[in-house]
Amino acid sequence: MSRGRMEAFSDGVLAIVITIMVLKLNAPKDLTLDAVKEVFPTFLAYILSFIYVGIYWANHHHLINMTDSVSGRLLWKNLHWIFWMSLIPMATEWMGLNPYKSLPALFYGIILFMCAVSYNIVQAEVIKI
């Protein structure tokens, strides 16, 4: 498989992840400060996740440019990373809707941790190639 094909698929999934997150945002219902405060935690969670996904997208681009071809092993390791990345919208929404609650924050942290672990697995495979 060509590098470009895997990179395009990964880029597409990450674009969908960001799109899903932004579609979950709601505008304040009123023109009051209380209405803005109500949606602020969800917006803050979106900003955090957007930055996180953006950093991974940029790093993934540079990482994949280090290889000319994609082995089956790299493909499956990359899919493993994409799986964890695809859970970010759900974790973001849950955390944003439940600010200051420990279980959604823990779930969000586990998802981010697994994104990091799986990305390091992809990185190790690229370095090995």
Foldseek 3Di string as FASTA:
>chain_A
DWLVVLLVVLVVLLVVLLVLLVVLQDDFPDPDPVSCVQRVLLVVLSVVLVVVSVVVNVVVVVLSVLDGGADPVLSVLVVQLSVLNSCSSVLSNVCSNPPPDDPSVVVNVVSSVSNVVSVVVSSVVSVVD
